Structures are given as C-alpha cells and as structure tokens.
PDB file of N, CA and C in Angstrom:
ATOM      1  N   MET A   1     -11.351  37.395  12.176  1.00  0.00           N
ATOM      2  CA  MET A   1     -11.038  38.489  11.370  1.00  0.00           C
ATOM      3  C   MET A   1     -10.016  38.493  10.177  1.00  0.00           C
ATOM      4  N   SER A   2     -10.383  38.767   9.054  1.00  0.00           N
ATOM      5  CA  SER A   2      -9.272  38.559   8.155  1.00  0.00           C
ATOM      6  C   SER A   2      -8.382  39.662   7.986  1.00  0.00           C
ATOM      7  N   ALA A   3      -7.141  39.556   7.255  1.00  0.00           N
ATOM      8  CA  ALA A   3      -6.159  40.585   7.350  1.00  0.00           C
ATOM      9  C   ALA A   3      -6.743  41.931   6.535  1.00  0.00           C
ATOM     10  N   VAL A   4      -7.552  41.645   5.472  1.00  0.00           N
ATOM     11  CA  VAL A   4      -8.164  42.980   5.010  1.00  0.00           C
ATOM     12  C   VAL A   4      -8.985  43.673   6.047  1.00  0.00           C
ATOM     13  N   GLY A   5      -9.700  43.105   6.742  1.00  0.00           N
ATOM     14  CA  GLY A   5     -10.504  43.774   7.829  1.00  0.00           C
ATOM     15  C   GLY A   5      -9.697  44.376   8.746  1.00  0.00           C
ATOM     16  N   ILE A   6      -8.466  43.855   9.252  1.00  0.00           N
ATOM     17  CA  ILE A   6      -7.693  44.456  10.238  1.00  0.00           C
ATOM     18  C   ILE A   6      -6.940  45.769   9.622  1.00  0.00           C
ATOM     19  N   VAL A   7      -6.477  45.597   8.355  1.00  0.00           N
ATOM     20  CA  VAL A   7      -5.891  46.725   7.536  1.00  0.00           C
ATOM     21  C   VAL A   7      -7.015  47.752   7.423  1.00  0.00           C
ATOM     22  N   GLY A   8      -8.236  47.413   7.147  1.00  0.00           N
ATOM     23  CA  GLY A   8      -9.300  48.450   6.842  1.00  0.00           C
ATOM     24  C   GLY A   8      -9.578  49.257   8.310  1.00  0.00           C
ATOM     25  N   GLU A   9      -9.632  48.472   9.304  1.00  0.00           N
ATOM     26  CA  GLU A   9      -9.773  49.119  10.687  1.00  0.00           C
ATOM     27  C   GLU A   9      -8.593  50.015  10.941  1.00  0.00           C
ATOM     28  N   LEU A  10      -7.547  49.513  10.881  1.00  0.00           N
ATOM     29  CA  LEU A  10      -6.276  50.400  11.150  1.00  0.00           C
ATOM     30  C   LEU A  10      -6.219  51.631  10.314  1.00  0.00           C
ATOM     31  N   THR A  11      -6.500  51.613   8.903  1.00  0.00           N
ATOM     32  CA  THR A  11      -6.517  52.807   8.072  1.00  0.00           C
ATOM     33  C   THR A  11      -7.615  53.805   8.826  1.00  0.00           C
ATOM     34  N   GLU A  12      -8.775  53.273   9.080  1.00  0.00           N
ATOM     35  CA  GLU A  12      -9.866  54.154   9.550  1.00  0.00           C
ATOM     36  C   GLU A  12      -9.513  54.954  10.745  1.00  0.00           C
ATOM     37  N   SER A  13      -8.983  53.986  11.560  1.00  0.00           N
ATOM     38  CA  SER A  13      -8.347  54.678  13.005  1.00  0.00           C
ATOM     39  C   SER A  13      -7.319  55.785  12.765  1.00  0.00           C
ATOM     40  N   VAL A  14      -6.271  55.626  11.838  1.00  0.00           N
ATOM     41  CA  VAL A  14      -5.313  56.364  11.354  1.00  0.00           C
ATOM     42  C   VAL A  14      -5.921  57.805  10.731  1.00  0.00           C
ATOM     43  N   ALA A  15      -6.847  57.508   9.959  1.00  0.00           N
ATOM     44  CA  ALA A  15      -7.440  58.631   9.235  1.00  0.00           C
ATOM     45  C   ALA A  15      -8.239  59.553  10.390  1.00  0.00           C
ATOM     46  N   GLY A  16      -9.067  58.750  11.043  1.00  0.00           N
ATOM     47  CA  GLY A  16      -9.659  59.561  12.246  1.00  0.00           C
ATOM     48  C   GLY A  16      -8.827  60.438  13.091  1.00  0.00           C
ATOM     49  N   PHE A  17      -7.638  59.766  13.518  1.00  0.00           N
ATOM     50  CA  PHE A  17      -6.592  60.614  14.191  1.00  0.00           C
ATOM     51  C   PHE A  17      -6.107  61.744  13.444  1.00  0.00           C
ATOM     52  N   TRP A  18      -5.997  61.553  12.036  1.00  0.00           N
ATOM     53  CA  TRP A  18      -5.249  62.548  11.424  1.00  0.00           C
ATOM     54  C   TRP A  18      -6.344  63.617  11.212  1.00  0.00           C
ATOM     55  N   LEU A  19      -7.712  63.331  11.079  1.00  0.00           N
ATOM     56  CA  LEU A  19      -8.650  64.382  10.943  1.00  0.00           C
ATOM     57  C   LEU A  19      -8.850  65.221  12.221  1.00  0.00           C
ATOM     58  N   GLU A  20      -8.599  64.574  13.155  1.00  0.00           N
ATOM     59  CA  GLU A  20      -8.700  65.254  14.651  1.00  0.00           C
ATOM     60  C   GLU A  20      -7.832  66.336  14.817  1.00  0.00           C
ATOM     61  N   ARG A  21      -6.565  66.367  14.141  1.00  0.00           N
ATOM     62  CA  ARG A  21      -5.562  67.283  14.398  1.00  0.00           C
ATOM     63  C   ARG A  21      -5.691  68.496  13.495  1.00  0.00           C
ATOM     64  N   ASN A  22      -5.187  69.597  14.054  1.00  0.00           N
ATOM     65  CA  ASN A  22      -5.449  70.903  13.525  1.00  0.00           C
ATOM     66  C   ASN A  22      -4.151  71.130  12.347  1.00  0.00           C
ATOM     67  N   ALA A  23      -3.942  72.004  11.632  1.00  0.00           N
ATOM     68  CA  ALA A  23      -2.988  72.264  10.627  1.00  0.00           C
ATOM     69  C   ALA A  23      -1.641  72.322  11.232  1.00  0.00           C
ATOM     70  N   ARG A  24      -1.425  72.872  12.419  1.00  0.00           N
ATOM     71  CA  ARG A  24      -0.153  73.073  13.077  1.00  0.00           C
ATOM     72  C   ARG A  24       0.277  71.908  13.429  1.00  0.00           C
ATOM     73  N   GLU A  25      -0.584  70.920  14.241  1.00  0.00           N
ATOM     74  CA  GLU A  25      -0.383  69.531  14.366  1.00  0.00           C
ATOM     75  C   GLU A  25       0.144  68.602  13.470  1.00  0.00           C
ATOM     76  N   ARG A  26      -0.664  68.651  12.382  1.00  0.00           N
ATOM     77  CA  ARG A  26      -0.305  67.796  11.214  1.00  0.00           C
ATOM     78  C   ARG A  26       1.289  68.128  10.683  1.00  0.00           C
ATOM     79  N   THR A  27       1.529  69.381  10.641  1.00  0.00           N
ATOM     80  CA  THR A  27       3.036  69.795  10.130  1.00  0.00           C
ATOM     81  C   THR A  27       3.825  69.132  11.004  1.00  0.00           C
ATOM     82  N   ILE A  28       3.642  69.567  12.428  1.00  0.00           N
ATOM     83  CA  ILE A  28       4.698  68.916  13.374  1.00  0.00           C
ATOM     84  C   ILE A  28       4.787  67.342  13.003  1.00  0.00           C
ATOM     85  N   LEU A  29       3.844  66.537  13.099  1.00  0.00           N
ATOM     86  CA  LEU A  29       3.695  65.247  12.944  1.00  0.00           C
ATOM     87  C   LEU A  29       4.435  64.845  11.575  1.00  0.00           C
ATOM     88  N   THR A  30       4.156  65.541  10.469  1.00  0.00           N
ATOM     89  CA  THR A  30       4.692  65.126   9.259  1.00  0.00           C
ATOM     90  C   THR A  30       6.336  65.371   9.184  1.00  0.00           C
ATOM     91  N   ALA A  31       6.675  66.640   9.831  1.00  0.00           N
ATOM     92  CA  ALA A  31       8.110  66.725  10.036  1.00  0.00           C
ATOM     93  C   ALA A  31       8.793  65.733  10.970  1.00  0.00           C
ATOM     94  N   GLY A  32       8.145  65.363  12.029  1.00  0.00           N
ATOM     95  CA  GLY A  32       8.714  64.314  12.846  1.00  0.00           C
ATOM     96  C   GLY A  32       8.799  62.941  12.160  1.00  0.00           C
ATOM     97  N   ALA A  33       7.870  62.691  11.482  1.00  0.00           N
ATOM     98  CA  ALA A  33       7.841  61.424  10.648  1.00  0.00           C
ATOM     99  C   ALA A  33       9.061  61.278   9.522  1.00  0.00           C
ATOM    100  N   ALA A  34       9.301  62.639   9.033  1.00  0.00           N
ATOM    101  CA  ALA A  34      10.277  62.837   8.046  1.00  0.00           C
ATOM    102  C   ALA A  34      11.424  62.710   8.553  1.00  0.00           C
ATOM    103  N   LEU A  35      11.733  63.246   9.609  1.00  0.00           N
ATOM    104  CA  LEU A  35      13.228  63.092  10.364  1.00  0.00           C
ATOM    105  C   LEU A  35      13.343  61.679  10.786  1.00  0.00           C
ATOM    106  N   ILE A  36      12.371  61.040  11.447  1.00  0.00           N
ATOM    107  CA  ILE A  36      12.325  59.627  11.763  1.00  0.00           C
ATOM    108  C   ILE A  36      12.855  58.807  10.558  1.00  0.00           C
ATOM    109  N   MET A  37      12.228  59.035   9.419  1.00  0.00           N
ATOM    110  CA  MET A  37      12.518  58.277   8.243  1.00  0.00           C
ATOM    111  C   MET A  37      14.012  58.547   7.749  1.00  0.00           C
ATOM    112  N   LEU A  38      14.276  59.725   7.877  1.00  0.00           N
ATOM    113  CA  LEU A  38      15.573  60.025   7.224  1.00  0.00           C
ATOM    114  C   LEU A  38      16.768  59.314   8.227  1.00  0.00           C
ATOM    115  N   GLY A  39      16.535  59.415   9.449  1.00  0.00           N
ATOM    116  CA  GLY A  39      17.328  58.939  10.432  1.00  0.00           C
ATOM    117  C   GLY A  39      17.337  57.137  10.251  1.00  0.00           C
ATOM    118  N   LEU A  40      16.108  56.753   9.821  1.00  0.00           N
ATOM    119  CA  LEU A  40      16.289  55.190   9.524  1.00  0.00           C
ATOM    120  C   LEU A  40      16.984  54.967   8.224  1.00  0.00           C
ATOM    121  N   VAL A  41      16.852  55.652   7.176  1.00  0.00           N
ATOM    122  CA  VAL A  41      17.633  55.476   6.031  1.00  0.00           C
ATOM    123  C   VAL A  41      19.110  55.756   6.246  1.00  0.00           C
ATOM    124  N   TYR A  42      19.260  56.839   7.059  1.00  0.00           N
ATOM    125  CA  TYR A  42      20.863  56.924   7.314  1.00  0.00           C
ATOM    126  C   TYR A  42      21.448  55.689   8.185  1.00  0.00           C
ATOM    127  N   ALA A  43      20.797  55.218   9.123  1.00  0.00           N
ATOM    128  CA  ALA A  43      21.240  54.070   9.996  1.00  0.00           C
ATOM    129  C   ALA A  43      21.203  52.794   9.129  1.00  0.00           C
ATOM    130  N   VAL A  44      20.305  52.716   8.025  1.00  0.00           N
ATOM    131  CA  VAL A  44      20.436  51.478   7.364  1.00  0.00           C
ATOM    132  C   VAL A  44      21.218  51.538   6.234  1.00  0.00           C
ATOM    133  N   PHE A  45      21.338  52.505   5.436  1.00  0.00           N
ATOM    134  CA  PHE A  45      22.051  52.651   4.279  1.00  0.00           C
ATOM    135  C   PHE A  45      23.484  53.271   4.488  1.00  0.00           C
ATOM    136  N   PHE A  46      23.447  54.441   4.750  1.00  0.00           N
ATOM    137  CA  PHE A  46      24.635  55.328   4.744  1.00  0.00           C
ATOM    138  C   PHE A  46      25.711  55.168   5.986  1.00  0.00           C
ATOM    139  N   GLY A  47      25.118  55.076   6.960  1.00  0.00           N
ATOM    140  CA  GLY A  47      26.074  54.712   8.242  1.00  0.00           C
ATOM    141  C   GLY A  47      26.909  53.622   8.151  1.00  0.00           C
ATOM    142  N   PRO A  48      26.422  52.454   7.761  1.00  0.00           N
ATOM    143  CA  PRO A  48      27.339  51.191   7.555  1.00  0.00           C
ATOM    144  C   PRO A  48      28.269  51.375   6.412  1.00  0.00           C
ATOM    145  N   ALA A  49      27.906  52.099   5.386  1.00  0.00           N
ATOM    146  CA  ALA A  49      28.530  52.298   4.235  1.00  0.00           C
ATOM    147  C   ALA A  49      29.767  53.085   4.608  1.00  0.00           C
ATOM    148  N   LEU A  50      29.663  54.156   5.375  1.00  0.00           N
ATOM    149  CA  LEU A  50      30.701  55.192   5.691  1.00  0.00           C
ATOM    150  C   LEU A  50      31.645  54.511   6.684  1.00  0.00           C
ATOM    151  N   ASN A  51      31.094  53.622   7.574  1.00  0.00           N
ATOM    152  CA  ASN A  51      31.955  52.954   8.566  1.00  0.00           C
ATOM    153  C   ASN A  51      32.781  51.928   7.972  1.00  0.00           C
ATOM    154  N   GLY A  52      32.150  51.248   6.946  1.00  0.00           N
ATOM    155  CA  GLY A  52      32.974  50.486   6.109  1.00  0.00           C
ATOM    156  C   GLY A  52      34.108  51.006   5.253  1.00  0.00           C
ATOM    157  N   ARG A  53      33.871  52.053   4.768  1.00  0.00           N
ATOM    158  CA  ARG A  53      34.655  52.682   4.136  1.00  0.00           C
ATOM    159  C   ARG A  53      35.933  53.245   4.848  1.00  0.00           C
ATOM    160  N   VAL A  54      35.812  53.880   6.080  1.00  0.00           N
ATOM    161  CA  VAL A  54      36.793  54.191   6.989  1.00  0.00           C
ATOM    162  C   VAL A  54      37.614  52.980   7.399  1.00  0.00           C
ATOM    163  N   GLN A  55      36.913  51.871   7.752  1.00  0.00           N
ATOM    164  CA  GLN A  55      37.709  50.703   8.163  1.00  0.00           C
ATOM    165  C   GLN A  55      38.542  50.278   7.061  1.00  0.00           C
ATOM    166  N   LEU A  56      37.999  50.204   5.752  1.00  0.00           N
ATOM    167  CA  LEU A  56      38.941  49.642   4.782  1.00  0.00           C
ATOM    168  C   LEU A  56      40.016  50.700   4.466  1.00  0.00           C
ATOM    169  N   GLN A  57      39.958  51.922   4.732  1.00  0.00           N
ATOM    170  CA  GLN A  57      40.949  52.960   4.515  1.00  0.00           C
ATOM    171  C   GLN A  57      42.002  52.616   5.558  1.00  0.00           C
ATOM    172  N   LYS A  58      41.569  52.114   6.722  1.00  0.00           N
ATOM    173  CA  LYS A  58      42.615  51.825   7.708  1.00  0.00           C
ATOM    174  C   LYS A  58      43.485  50.486   7.335  1.00  0.00           C
ATOM    175  N   SER A  59      42.687  49.542   7.030  1.00  0.00           N
ATOM    176  CA  SER A  59      43.211  48.145   6.691  1.00  0.00           C
ATOM    177  C   SER A  59      43.966  48.066   5.296  1.00  0.00           C
ATOM    178  N   LEU A  60      43.607  48.858   4.373  1.00  0.00           N
ATOM    179  CA  LEU A  60      44.241  48.715   3.021  1.00  0.00           C
ATOM    180  C   LEU A  60      45.706  48.705   2.841  1.00  0.00           C
ATOM    181  N   PRO A  61      46.566  49.616   3.713  1.00  0.00           N
ATOM    182  CA  PRO A  61      47.973  49.428   3.496  1.00  0.00           C
ATOM    183  C   PRO A  61      48.466  48.051   3.918  1.00  0.00           C
ATOM    184  N   SER A  62      47.941  47.394   4.920  1.00  0.00           N
ATOM    185  CA  SER A  62      48.345  46.224   5.523  1.00  0.00           C
ATOM    186  C   SER A  62      48.015  45.191   4.550  1.00  0.00           C
ATOM    187  N   LEU A  63      46.746  45.224   3.943  1.00  0.00           N
ATOM    188  CA  LEU A  63      46.349  44.281   2.974  1.00  0.00           C
ATOM    189  C   LEU A  63      47.202  44.283   1.743  1.00  0.00           C
ATOM    190  N   ARG A  64      47.764  45.451   1.400  1.00  0.00           N
ATOM    191  CA  ARG A  64      48.510  45.551   0.193  1.00  0.00           C
ATOM    192  C   ARG A  64      49.904  45.092   0.384  1.00  0.00           C
ATOM    193  N   GLN A  65      50.316  45.258   1.696  1.00  0.00           N
ATOM    194  CA  GLN A  65      51.471  44.664   2.014  1.00  0.00           C
ATOM    195  C   GLN A  65      51.527  43.158   2.120  1.00  0.00           C
ATOM    196  N   GLN A  66      50.487  42.655   2.561  1.00  0.00           N
ATOM    197  CA  GLN A  66      50.245  41.204   2.540  1.00  0.00           C
ATOM    198  C   GLN A  66      50.107  40.548   1.022  1.00  0.00           C
ATOM    199  N   ALA A  67      49.780  41.249   0.281  1.00  0.00           N
ATOM    200  CA  ALA A  67      49.498  40.819  -1.198  1.00  0.00           C
ATOM    201  C   ALA A  67      50.967  40.694  -1.669  1.00  0.00           C
ATOM    202  N   ALA A  68      51.644  41.840  -1.431  1.00  0.00           N
ATOM    203  CA  ALA A  68      53.072  42.023  -1.950  1.00  0.00           C
ATOM    204  C   ALA A  68      53.874  40.787  -1.586  1.00  0.00           C
ATOM    205  N   ASP A  69      53.723  40.441  -0.075  1.00  0.00           N
ATOM    206  CA  ASP A  69      54.386  39.251   0.535  1.00  0.00           C
ATOM    207  C   ASP A  69      54.054  38.075  -0.242  1.00  0.00           C
ATOM    208  N   MET A  70      52.814  37.934  -0.305  1.00  0.00           N
ATOM    209  CA  MET A  70      52.247  36.542  -0.990  1.00  0.00           C
ATOM    210  C   MET A  70      52.770  36.476  -2.349  1.00  0.00           C
ATOM    211  N   GLN A  71      52.877  37.683  -3.115  1.00  0.00           N
ATOM    212  CA  GLN A  71      53.411  37.558  -4.519  1.00  0.00           C
ATOM    213  C   GLN A  71      54.711  37.226  -4.330  1.00  0.00           C
ATOM    214  N   ALA A  72      55.493  37.655  -3.593  1.00  0.00           N
ATOM    215  CA  ALA A  72      57.062  37.458  -3.632  1.00  0.00           C
ATOM    216  C   ALA A  72      57.207  36.183  -3.198  1.00  0.00           C
ATOM    217  N   MET A  73      56.475  35.402  -2.266  1.00  0.00           N
ATOM    218  CA  MET A  73      56.509  34.114  -1.885  1.00  0.00           C
ATOM    219  C   MET A  73      56.169  33.122  -2.920  1.00  0.00           C
ATOM    220  N   ALA A  74      55.065  33.567  -3.815  1.00  0.00           N
ATOM    221  CA  ALA A  74      54.818  32.684  -4.959  1.00  0.00           C
ATOM    222  C   ALA A  74      55.711  32.650  -5.821  1.00  0.00           C
ATOM    223  N   ARG A  75      56.614  33.683  -6.196  1.00  0.00           N
ATOM    224  CA  ARG A  75      57.763  33.650  -7.126  1.00  0.00           C
ATOM    225  C   ARG A  75      58.860  32.880  -6.473  1.00  0.00           C
ATOM    226  N   GLU A  76      59.090  33.021  -5.153  1.00  0.00           N
ATOM    227  CA  GLU A  76      60.151  32.193  -4.646  1.00  0.00           C
ATOM    228  C   GLU A  76      59.725  30.676  -4.890  1.00  0.00           C
ATOM    229  N   ALA A  77      58.515  30.466  -4.558  1.00  0.00           N
ATOM    230  CA  ALA A  77      58.189  28.905  -4.612  1.00  0.00           C
ATOM    231  C   ALA A  77      58.325  28.508  -6.150  1.00  0.00           C
ATOM    232  N   ALA A  78      57.992  29.279  -7.010  1.00  0.00           N
ATOM    233  CA  ALA A  78      58.290  29.024  -8.502  1.00  0.00           C
ATOM    234  C   ALA A  78      59.564  28.849  -8.763  1.00  0.00           C
ATOM    235  N   ARG A  79      60.420  29.601  -8.233  1.00  0.00           N
ATOM    236  CA  ARG A  79      61.832  29.595  -8.528  1.00  0.00           C
ATOM    237  C   ARG A  79      62.287  28.332  -7.829  1.00  0.00           C
ATOM    238  N   LEU A  80      61.908  28.002  -6.613  1.00  0.00           N
ATOM    239  CA  LEU A  80      62.416  26.831  -5.825  1.00  0.00           C
ATOM    240  C   LEU A  80      61.927  25.572  -6.553  1.00  0.00           C
ATOM    241  N   ALA A  81      60.999  25.550  -7.272  1.00  0.00           N
ATOM    242  CA  ALA A  81      60.260  24.421  -7.695  1.00  0.00           C
ATOM    243  C   ALA A  81      61.122  23.836  -8.708  1.00  0.00           C
ATOM    244  N   GLY A  82      61.901  24.459  -9.344  1.00  0.00           N
ATOM    245  CA  GLY A  82      62.855  23.964 -10.380  1.00  0.00           C
ATOM    246  C   GLY A  82      64.248  23.439  -9.806  1.00  0.00           C
ATOM    247  N   VAL A  83      64.503  23.858  -8.595  1.00  0.00           N
ATOM    248  CA  VAL A  83      65.678  23.481  -7.876  1.00  0.00           C
ATOM    249  C   VAL A  83      65.639  22.128  -7.211  1.00  0.00           C
ATOM    250  N   THR A  84      66.514  21.135  -7.357  1.00  0.00           N
ATOM    251  CA  THR A  84      66.601  19.972  -6.694  1.00  0.00           C
ATOM    252  C   THR A  84      67.681  19.904  -5.580  1.00  0.00           C
ATOM    253  N   SER A  85      67.446  19.076  -4.661  1.00  0.00           N
ATOM    254  CA  SER A  85      68.543  19.039  -3.617  1.00  0.00           C
ATOM    255  C   SER A  85      69.504  17.937  -4.201  1.00  0.00           C
ATOM    256  N   PRO A  86      70.557  17.837  -3.692  1.00  0.00           N
ATOM    257  CA  PRO A  86      71.805  16.838  -4.041  1.00  0.00           C
ATOM    258  C   PRO A  86      71.089  15.451  -3.471  1.00  0.00           C
ATOM    259  N   PRO A  87      71.449  14.309  -3.978  1.00  0.00           N
ATOM    260  CA  PRO A  87      70.967  13.188  -3.377  1.00  0.00           C
ATOM    261  C   PRO A  87      71.825  12.837  -2.143  1.00  0.00           C
ATOM    262  N   PRO A  88      71.203  12.190  -1.039  1.00  0.00           N
ATOM    263  CA  PRO A  88      71.914  11.863   0.084  1.00  0.00           C
ATOM    264  C   PRO A  88      72.969  10.996   0.060  1.00  0.00           C
ATOM    265  N   ALA A  89      73.876  11.310   0.817  1.00  0.00           N
ATOM    266  CA  ALA A  89      75.112  10.291   0.886  1.00  0.00           C
ATOM    267  C   ALA A  89      74.827   8.974   1.089  1.00  0.00           C
ATOM    268  N   ILE A  90      75.436   7.925   0.656  1.00  0.00           N
ATOM    269  CA  ILE A  90      75.413   6.626   0.614  1.00  0.00           C
ATOM    270  C   ILE A  90      75.909   6.135   2.157  1.00  0.00           C
ATOM    271  N   VAL A  91      75.233   5.465   3.046  1.00  0.00           N
ATOM    272  CA  VAL A  91      75.605   5.156   4.121  1.00  0.00           C
ATOM    273  C   VAL A  91      76.569   3.803   4.115  1.00  0.00           C
ATOM    274  N   THR A  92      77.627   3.714   4.456  1.00  0.00           N
ATOM    275  CA  THR A  92      78.671   2.586   4.442  1.00  0.00           C
ATOM    276  C   THR A  92      78.967   2.156   5.869  1.00  0.00           C
ATOM    277  N   LYS A  93      79.439   1.105   6.004  1.00  0.00           N
ATOM    278  CA  LYS A  93      79.941   0.790   7.305  1.00  0.00           C
ATOM    279  C   LYS A  93      81.084   1.636   7.639  1.00  0.00           C
ATOM    280  N   GLU A  94      82.103   1.909   6.766  1.00  0.00           N
ATOM    281  CA  GLU A  94      83.136   2.888   6.971  1.00  0.00           C
ATOM    282  C   GLU A  94      82.562   4.055   7.399  1.00  0.00           C
ATOM    283  N   SER A  95      81.645   4.906   6.900  1.00  0.00           N
ATOM    284  CA  SER A  95      81.118   6.049   6.942  1.00  0.00           C
ATOM    285  C   SER A  95      80.431   6.005   8.594  1.00  0.00           C
ATOM    286  N   VAL A  96      79.816   4.952   8.899  1.00  0.00           N
ATOM    287  CA  VAL A  96      79.100   4.868  10.213  1.00  0.00           C
ATOM    288  C   VAL A  96      80.296   4.736  11.219  1.00  0.00           C
ATOM    289  N   GLU A  97      81.242   3.969  11.172  1.00  0.00           N
ATOM    290  CA  GLU A  97      82.415   3.868  11.972  1.00  0.00           C
ATOM    291  C   GLU A  97      83.314   5.243  12.213  1.00  0.00           C
ATOM    292  N   ALA A  98      83.260   5.721  11.090  1.00  0.00           N
ATOM    293  CA  ALA A  98      84.049   7.056  11.246  1.00  0.00           C
ATOM    294  C   ALA A  98      83.341   8.111  12.002  1.00  0.00           C
ATOM    295  N   LEU A  99      81.940   8.148  11.805  1.00  0.00           N
ATOM    296  CA  LEU A  99      81.206   9.234  12.778  1.00  0.00           C
ATOM    297  C   LEU A  99      81.145   8.782  13.961  1.00  0.00           C
ATOM    298  N   LEU A 100      80.948   7.517  14.289  1.00  0.00           N
ATOM    299  CA  LEU A 100      81.140   6.940  15.813  1.00  0.00           C
ATOM    300  C   LEU A 100      82.305   7.326  16.349  1.00  0.00           C
ATOM    301  N   THR A 101      83.413   6.931  15.861  1.00  0.00           N
ATOM    302  CA  THR A 101      84.880   7.451  16.320  1.00  0.00           C
ATOM    303  C   THR A 101      85.066   8.927  16.523  1.00  0.00           C
ATOM    304  N   GLN A 102      84.381   9.712  15.576  1.00  0.00           N
ATOM    305  CA  GLN A 102      84.471  11.142  15.560  1.00  0.00           C
ATOM    306  C   GLN A 102      83.851  11.717  16.726  1.00  0.00           C
ATOM    307  N   LYS A 103      82.566  11.134  17.038  1.00  0.00           N
ATOM    308  CA  LYS A 103      81.793  11.568  18.236  1.00  0.00           C
ATOM    309  C   LYS A 103      82.257  10.949  19.446  1.00  0.00           C
ATOM    310  N   GLY A 104      83.274  10.113  19.620  1.00  0.00           N
ATOM    311  CA  GLY A 104      83.862   9.530  20.893  1.00  0.00           C
ATOM    312  C   GLY A 104      83.217   8.209  21.222  1.00  0.00           C
ATOM    313  N   PHE A 105      82.458   7.550  20.396  1.00  0.00           N
ATOM    314  CA  PHE A 105      81.851   6.431  20.618  1.00  0.00           C
ATOM    315  C   PHE A 105      82.665   5.053  20.160  1.00  0.00           C
ATOM    316  N   LYS A 106      82.816   4.080  20.781  1.00  0.00           N
ATOM    317  CA  LYS A 106      83.539   2.755  20.369  1.00  0.00           C
ATOM    318  C   LYS A 106      82.527   1.663  20.115  1.00  0.00           C
ATOM    319  N   SER A 107      82.408   1.373  18.877  1.00  0.00           N
ATOM    320  CA  SER A 107      81.570   0.206  18.824  1.00  0.00           C
ATOM    321  C   SER A 107      82.334  -0.899  18.259  1.00  0.00           C
ATOM    322  N   PRO A 108      82.295  -2.190  18.964  1.00  0.00           N
ATOM    323  CA  PRO A 108      83.079  -3.326  18.580  1.00  0.00           C
ATOM    324  C   PRO A 108      82.627  -3.871  17.267  1.00  0.00           C
ATOM    325  N   THR A 109      81.163  -3.788  16.939  1.00  0.00           N
ATOM    326  CA  THR A 109      80.864  -4.462  15.753  1.00  0.00           C
ATOM    327  C   THR A 109      79.776  -3.425  15.084  1.00  0.00           C
ATOM    328  N   VAL A 110      79.864  -3.086  13.876  1.00  0.00           N
ATOM    329  CA  VAL A 110      78.901  -2.355  13.258  1.00  0.00           C
ATOM    330  C   VAL A 110      78.298  -2.956  11.989  1.00  0.00           C
ATOM    331  N   ALA A 111      77.055  -3.242  11.957  1.00  0.00           N
ATOM    332  CA  ALA A 111      76.378  -4.084  10.808  1.00  0.00           C
ATOM    333  C   ALA A 111      75.639  -3.217  10.111  1.00  0.00           C
ATOM    334  N   VAL A 112      75.909  -3.023   8.830  1.00  0.00           N
ATOM    335  CA  VAL A 112      75.015  -2.167   7.758  1.00  0.00           C
ATOM    336  C   VAL A 112      74.279  -3.286   6.974  1.00  0.00           C
ATOM    337  N   SER A 113      72.809  -3.115   6.810  1.00  0.00           N
ATOM    338  CA  SER A 113      72.145  -3.910   6.005  1.00  0.00           C
ATOM    339  C   SER A 113      71.927  -3.173   4.721  1.00  0.00           C
ATOM    340  N   GLY A 114      71.262  -3.612   3.813  1.00  0.00           N
ATOM    341  CA  GLY A 114      71.058  -3.085   2.476  1.00  0.00           C
ATOM    342  C   GLY A 114      69.966  -2.108   2.467  1.00  0.00           C
ATOM    343  N   ASP A 115      69.071  -2.034   3.658  1.00  0.00           N
ATOM    344  CA  ASP A 115      67.922  -1.402   3.424  1.00  0.00           C
ATOM    345  C   ASP A 115      67.972  -0.031   4.259  1.00  0.00           C
ATOM    346  N   VAL A 116      69.353   0.325   4.567  1.00  0.00           N
ATOM    347  CA  VAL A 116      69.661   1.440   5.302  1.00  0.00           C
ATOM    348  C   VAL A 116      69.760   2.738   4.235  1.00  0.00           C
TER     349      VAL A 116
END
C-alpha cells in the first residue's frame, strides 16, 4: 500500500468519526484539541524561553563580575609585558663558598665551571 493510500484511508476514517459526532461533542473535541495545541506551543516555545530568562537573570551578576576580573587581569598582563626582571646574579666561586659558609656547610673544594 502506498503512502497516498494510507493517508486517504486515515482521512476517510477521521471524517467518518467526525460526522458521527453531534454538535456538542464536536465543540468539546475542538476545545480539547485547542487546549492541547496551546499546551504544546507553550511547552516547546514559551516555557524554555522563560526558564532561560530566569536563569540568565540569576547568573548575570556573577558573569559581569567575571568579565570585570578578566579585563583587570588583561590590563595587568599588558602592564607587566613591558616590565623586565633584572638579570640573575653571576655565580662565582666566592659566592658559592660564602653561601655554603653562611648555611653552616664546610666544603674543602668548590669547583665552578663556565656553564653554571
């Protein structure tokens, strides 16, 4: 059976069902169908939109605070990008021996190579 035949059969059965009903039953069925359609439209379109709006109103202050914090961090990063740290101190044999003596270690021999 083709799709057109199935649709035609369904249309005939619905039309027969509708014609068997009196005016009062048709009014009640029409009102019920309208209420179901309104409920579906609300559930699909308006309900999620209203819930999303309430959720955004709750989260908007914290999102604004996060945006302000990020902007402050970006300004701080831009400011620090131009600042350079001083070069590290040169390690010498005397500085190593002085540090070891200061910490209470006694080393008989300290050798400093050029790659330190």
